[in-house]
PDB file of N, CA and C in Angstrom:
ATOM      1  N   ARG A   1      31.003   1.903  18.957  1.00  0.00           N
ATOM      2  CA  ARG A   1      31.534   1.421  20.238  1.00  0.00           C
ATOM      3  C   ARG A   1      30.857   0.187  20.751  1.00  0.00           C
ATOM      4  N   GLU A   2      31.548  -0.656  21.388  1.00  0.00           N
ATOM      5  CA  GLU A   2      30.954  -1.880  21.960  1.00  0.00           C
ATOM      6  C   GLU A   2      30.177  -1.544  23.164  1.00  0.00           C
ATOM      7  N   ASP A   3      30.578  -0.516  23.999  1.00  0.00           N
ATOM      8  CA  ASP A   3      29.845  -0.204  25.285  1.00  0.00           C
ATOM      9  C   ASP A   3      28.580   0.574  25.029  1.00  0.00           C
ATOM     10  N   TYR A   4      28.320   1.138  23.856  1.00  0.00           N
ATOM     11  CA  TYR A   4      27.186   1.842  23.645  1.00  0.00           C
ATOM     12  C   TYR A   4      26.765   1.597  22.198  1.00  0.00           C
ATOM     13  N   LYS A   5      26.103   0.452  22.022  1.00  0.00           N
ATOM     14  CA  LYS A   5      25.831  -0.035  20.676  1.00  0.00           C
ATOM     15  C   LYS A   5      24.683   0.759  20.022  1.00  0.00           C
ATOM     16  N   VAL A   6      23.736   1.243  20.791  1.00  0.00           N
ATOM     17  CA  VAL A   6      22.618   2.003  20.186  1.00  0.00           C
ATOM     18  C   VAL A   6      22.785   3.472  20.596  1.00  0.00           C
ATOM     19  N   ARG A   7      23.304   4.226  19.618  1.00  0.00           N
ATOM     20  CA  ARG A   7      23.543   5.614  19.883  1.00  0.00           C
ATOM     21  C   ARG A   7      23.306   6.457  18.622  1.00  0.00           C
ATOM     22  N   VAL A   8      23.079   7.692  18.785  1.00  0.00           N
ATOM     23  CA  VAL A   8      22.837   8.522  17.606  1.00  0.00           C
ATOM     24  C   VAL A   8      23.900   9.654  17.585  1.00  0.00           C
ATOM     25  N   ASP A   9      24.816   9.603  16.614  1.00  0.00           N
ATOM     26  CA  ASP A   9      25.890  10.602  16.425  1.00  0.00           C
ATOM     27  C   ASP A   9      25.428  11.617  15.419  1.00  0.00           C
ATOM     28  N   GLU A  10      26.224  12.639  15.212  1.00  0.00           N
ATOM     29  CA  GLU A  10      25.935  13.552  14.146  1.00  0.00           C
ATOM     30  C   GLU A  10      25.838  12.961  12.801  1.00  0.00           C
ATOM     31  N   TYR A  11      26.641  11.915  12.570  1.00  0.00           N
ATOM     32  CA  TYR A  11      26.648  11.242  11.333  1.00  0.00           C
ATOM     33  C   TYR A  11      26.596   9.719  11.604  1.00  0.00           C
ATOM     34  N   ASP A  12      26.212   8.901  10.691  1.00  0.00           N
ATOM     35  CA  ASP A  12      26.163   7.487  10.824  1.00  0.00           C
ATOM     36  C   ASP A  12      27.572   6.968  10.422  1.00  0.00           C
ATOM     37  N   PHE A  13      28.407   6.712  11.357  1.00  0.00           N
ATOM     38  CA  PHE A  13      29.873   6.360  11.084  1.00  0.00           C
ATOM     39  C   PHE A  13      29.955   4.929  10.558  1.00  0.00           C
ATOM     40  N   SER A  14      28.969   4.202  10.577  1.00  0.00           N
ATOM     41  CA  SER A  14      28.977   2.850   9.993  1.00  0.00           C
ATOM     42  C   SER A  14      28.853   2.890   8.462  1.00  0.00           C
ATOM     43  N   LYS A  15      28.566   4.060   7.915  1.00  0.00           N
ATOM     44  CA  LYS A  15      28.364   4.296   6.517  1.00  0.00           C
ATOM     45  C   LYS A  15      29.248   5.386   5.998  1.00  0.00           C
ATOM     46  N   PRO A  16      29.600   5.416   4.687  1.00  0.00           N
ATOM     47  CA  PRO A  16      30.455   6.565   4.174  1.00  0.00           C
ATOM     48  C   PRO A  16      29.835   7.882   4.524  1.00  0.00           C
ATOM     49  N   LEU A  17      30.730   8.862   4.902  1.00  0.00           N
ATOM     50  CA  LEU A  17      30.191  10.142   5.312  1.00  0.00           C
ATOM     51  C   LEU A  17      29.703  10.968   4.002  1.00  0.00           C
ATOM     52  N   GLN A  18      30.245  10.659   2.917  1.00  0.00           N
ATOM     53  CA  GLN A  18      29.849  11.380   1.715  1.00  0.00           C
ATOM     54  C   GLN A  18      28.371  11.237   1.462  1.00  0.00           C
ATOM     55  N   GLY A  19      27.712  12.359   1.336  1.00  0.00           N
ATOM     56  CA  GLY A  19      26.361  12.396   1.061  1.00  0.00           C
ATOM     57  C   GLY A  19      25.405  12.493   2.286  1.00  0.00           C
ATOM     58  N   GLN A  20      25.982  12.245   3.500  1.00  0.00           N
ATOM     59  CA  GLN A  20      25.208  12.349   4.662  1.00  0.00           C
ATOM     60  C   GLN A  20      25.062  13.842   5.163  1.00  0.00           C
ATOM     61  N   GLN A  21      23.994  14.087   5.772  1.00  0.00           N
ATOM     62  CA  GLN A  21      23.744  15.451   6.375  1.00  0.00           C
ATOM     63  C   GLN A  21      23.897  15.379   7.921  1.00  0.00           C
ATOM     64  N   LYS A  22      24.610  16.294   8.442  1.00  0.00           N
ATOM     65  CA  LYS A  22      24.785  16.281   9.936  1.00  0.00           C
ATOM     66  C   LYS A  22      23.435  16.442  10.610  1.00  0.00           C
ATOM     67  N   LYS A  23      23.246  15.641  11.603  1.00  0.00           N
ATOM     68  CA  LYS A  23      21.992  15.786  12.476  1.00  0.00           C
ATOM     69  C   LYS A  23      22.071  17.080  13.358  1.00  0.00           C
ATOM     70  N   SER A  24      20.966  17.691  13.609  1.00  0.00           N
ATOM     71  CA  SER A  24      20.990  18.881  14.449  1.00  0.00           C
ATOM     72  C   SER A  24      21.392  18.550  15.808  1.00  0.00           C
ATOM     73  N   PHE A  25      21.736  19.583  16.550  1.00  0.00           N
ATOM     74  CA  PHE A  25      22.312  19.395  17.961  1.00  0.00           C
ATOM     75  C   PHE A  25      21.264  18.697  18.778  1.00  0.00           C
ATOM     76  N   SER A  26      19.872  18.993  18.623  1.00  0.00           N
ATOM     77  CA  SER A  26      18.901  18.398  19.426  1.00  0.00           C
ATOM     78  C   SER A  26      18.671  16.876  19.122  1.00  0.00           C
ATOM     79  N   GLU A  27      19.075  16.449  17.902  1.00  0.00           N
ATOM     80  CA  GLU A  27      18.827  15.116  17.457  1.00  0.00           C
ATOM     81  C   GLU A  27      19.891  14.142  17.847  1.00  0.00           C
ATOM     82  N   HIS A  28      21.056  14.516  18.247  1.00  0.00           N
ATOM     83  CA  HIS A  28      22.082  13.524  18.605  1.00  0.00           C
ATOM     84  C   HIS A  28      22.527  13.656  20.053  1.00  0.00           C
ATOM     85  N   TRP A  29      23.254  12.692  20.589  1.00  0.00           N
ATOM     86  CA  TRP A  29      23.604  12.597  21.947  1.00  0.00           C
ATOM     87  C   TRP A  29      24.951  13.306  22.245  1.00  0.00           C
ATOM     88  N   ARG A  30      25.684  13.599  21.309  1.00  0.00           N
ATOM     89  CA  ARG A  30      27.113  14.043  21.602  1.00  0.00           C
ATOM     90  C   ARG A  30      27.138  15.509  22.001  1.00  0.00           C
ATOM     91  N   LYS A  31      27.080  15.723  23.236  1.00  0.00           N
ATOM     92  CA  LYS A  31      27.065  17.068  23.773  1.00  0.00           C
ATOM     93  C   LYS A  31      27.451  17.024  25.276  1.00  0.00           C
ATOM     94  N   HIS A  32      27.983  18.144  25.801  1.00  0.00           N
ATOM     95  CA  HIS A  32      28.274  18.219  27.240  1.00  0.00           C
ATOM     96  C   HIS A  32      27.134  18.771  27.948  1.00  0.00           C
ATOM     97  N   THR A  33      26.804  18.188  29.154  1.00  0.00           N
ATOM     98  CA  THR A  33      25.797  18.592  30.015  1.00  0.00           C
ATOM     99  C   THR A  33      26.381  19.551  31.077  1.00  0.00           C
ATOM    100  N   LEU A  34      25.773  20.753  31.212  1.00  0.00           N
ATOM    101  CA  LEU A  34      26.156  21.697  32.153  1.00  0.00           C
ATOM    102  C   LEU A  34      25.132  21.855  33.244  1.00  0.00           C
ATOM    103  N   SER A  35      25.368  21.704  34.475  1.00  0.00           N
ATOM    104  CA  SER A  35      24.340  21.847  35.506  1.00  0.00           C
ATOM    105  C   SER A  35      24.700  23.084  36.386  1.00  0.00           C
ATOM    106  N   TYR A  36      23.649  23.729  36.830  1.00  0.00           N
ATOM    107  CA  TYR A  36      23.734  24.958  37.651  1.00  0.00           C
ATOM    108  C   TYR A  36      22.779  24.753  38.832  1.00  0.00           C
ATOM    109  N   VAL A  37      23.178  25.221  39.974  1.00  0.00           N
ATOM    110  CA  VAL A  37      22.366  25.218  41.194  1.00  0.00           C
ATOM    111  C   VAL A  37      22.334  26.686  41.717  1.00  0.00           C
ATOM    112  N   ASP A  38      21.031  27.198  41.822  1.00  0.00           N
ATOM    113  CA  ASP A  38      20.922  28.614  42.289  1.00  0.00           C
ATOM    114  C   ASP A  38      20.949  28.569  43.806  1.00  0.00           C
ATOM    115  N   LYS A  39      20.768  29.823  44.417  1.00  0.00           N
ATOM    116  CA  LYS A  39      20.874  29.934  45.841  1.00  0.00           C
ATOM    117  C   LYS A  39      19.732  29.259  46.585  1.00  0.00           C
ATOM    118  N   LYS A  40      18.701  29.013  45.948  1.00  0.00           N
ATOM    119  CA  LYS A  40      17.434  28.331  46.543  1.00  0.00           C
ATOM    120  C   LYS A  40      17.588  26.805  46.344  1.00  0.00           C
ATOM    121  N   GLY A  41      18.680  26.399  45.661  1.00  0.00           N
ATOM    122  CA  GLY A  41      18.839  24.922  45.437  1.00  0.00           C
ATOM    123  C   GLY A  41      18.157  24.379  44.222  1.00  0.00           C
ATOM    124  N   LYS A  42      17.612  25.222  43.392  1.00  0.00           N
ATOM    125  CA  LYS A  42      16.981  24.800  42.146  1.00  0.00           C
ATOM    126  C   LYS A  42      18.094  24.417  41.129  1.00  0.00           C
ATOM    127  N   VAL A  43      18.035  23.256  40.513  1.00  0.00           N
ATOM    128  CA  VAL A  43      18.987  22.767  39.579  1.00  0.00           C
ATOM    129  C   VAL A  43      18.437  22.981  38.179  1.00  0.00           C
ATOM    130  N   SER A  44      19.314  23.484  37.307  1.00  0.00           N
ATOM    131  CA  SER A  44      18.914  23.625  35.861  1.00  0.00           C
ATOM    132  C   SER A  44      20.071  23.028  35.007  1.00  0.00           C
ATOM    133  N   LEU A  45      19.642  22.485  33.848  1.00  0.00           N
ATOM    134  CA  LEU A  45      20.608  21.861  32.973  1.00  0.00           C
ATOM    135  C   LEU A  45      20.601  22.567  31.656  1.00  0.00           C
ATOM    136  N   GLU A  46      21.800  22.687  31.135  1.00  0.00           N
ATOM    137  CA  GLU A  46      21.980  23.277  29.795  1.00  0.00           C
ATOM    138  C   GLU A  46      22.926  22.337  29.084  1.00  0.00           C
ATOM    139  N   TYR A  47      23.078  22.469  27.697  1.00  0.00           N
ATOM    140  CA  TYR A  47      23.970  21.631  26.951  1.00  0.00           C
ATOM    141  C   TYR A  47      24.789  22.511  26.034  1.00  0.00           C
ATOM    142  N   ARG A  48      26.028  22.053  25.723  1.00  0.00           N
ATOM    143  CA  ARG A  48      26.887  22.763  24.738  1.00  0.00           C
ATOM    144  C   ARG A  48      27.530  21.717  23.827  1.00  0.00           C
ATOM    145  N   PRO A  49      27.876  22.079  22.603  1.00  0.00           N
ATOM    146  CA  PRO A  49      28.474  21.033  21.718  1.00  0.00           C
ATOM    147  C   PRO A  49      29.846  20.599  22.157  1.00  0.00           C
ATOM    148  N   VAL A  50      30.202  19.447  21.839  1.00  0.00           N
ATOM    149  CA  VAL A  50      31.500  18.910  22.071  1.00  0.00           C
ATOM    150  C   VAL A  50      32.468  19.621  21.068  1.00  0.00           C
ATOM    151  N   ILE A  51      33.655  19.995  21.526  1.00  0.00           N
ATOM    152  CA  ILE A  51      34.609  20.673  20.662  1.00  0.00           C
ATOM    153  C   ILE A  51      35.477  19.551  20.032  1.00  0.00           C
ATOM    154  N   ASP A  52      35.513  19.477  18.747  1.00  0.00           N
ATOM    155  CA  ASP A  52      36.226  18.438  17.986  1.00  0.00           C
ATOM    156  C   ASP A  52      37.648  18.793  17.672  1.00  0.00           C
ATOM    157  N   THR A  53      37.909  20.119  17.652  1.00  0.00           N
ATOM    158  CA  THR A  53      39.372  20.461  17.261  1.00  0.00           C
ATOM    159  C   THR A  53      40.107  20.874  18.511  1.00  0.00           C
ATOM    160  N   THR A  54      41.491  20.581  18.458  1.00  0.00           N
ATOM    161  CA  THR A  54      42.354  20.902  19.574  1.00  0.00           C
ATOM    162  C   THR A  54      42.667  22.403  19.512  1.00  0.00           C
ATOM    163  N   LEU A  55      43.043  22.914  20.658  1.00  0.00           N
ATOM    164  CA  LEU A  55      43.359  24.333  20.725  1.00  0.00           C
ATOM    165  C   LEU A  55      44.743  24.560  20.237  1.00  0.00           C
TER     166      LEU A  55
END
């Protein structure tokens, strides 16, 4: 992408996918951020994988 030139995906899409190993969830940026606020106002963040297949 032109708007985000330095990024880490699960795979290096600038190269053939054959022979590449998928990066672990913690090593790449492609995830959804979930934020929670408790009754005292404390904010916590969690992450979940992006879903690649349609329902």
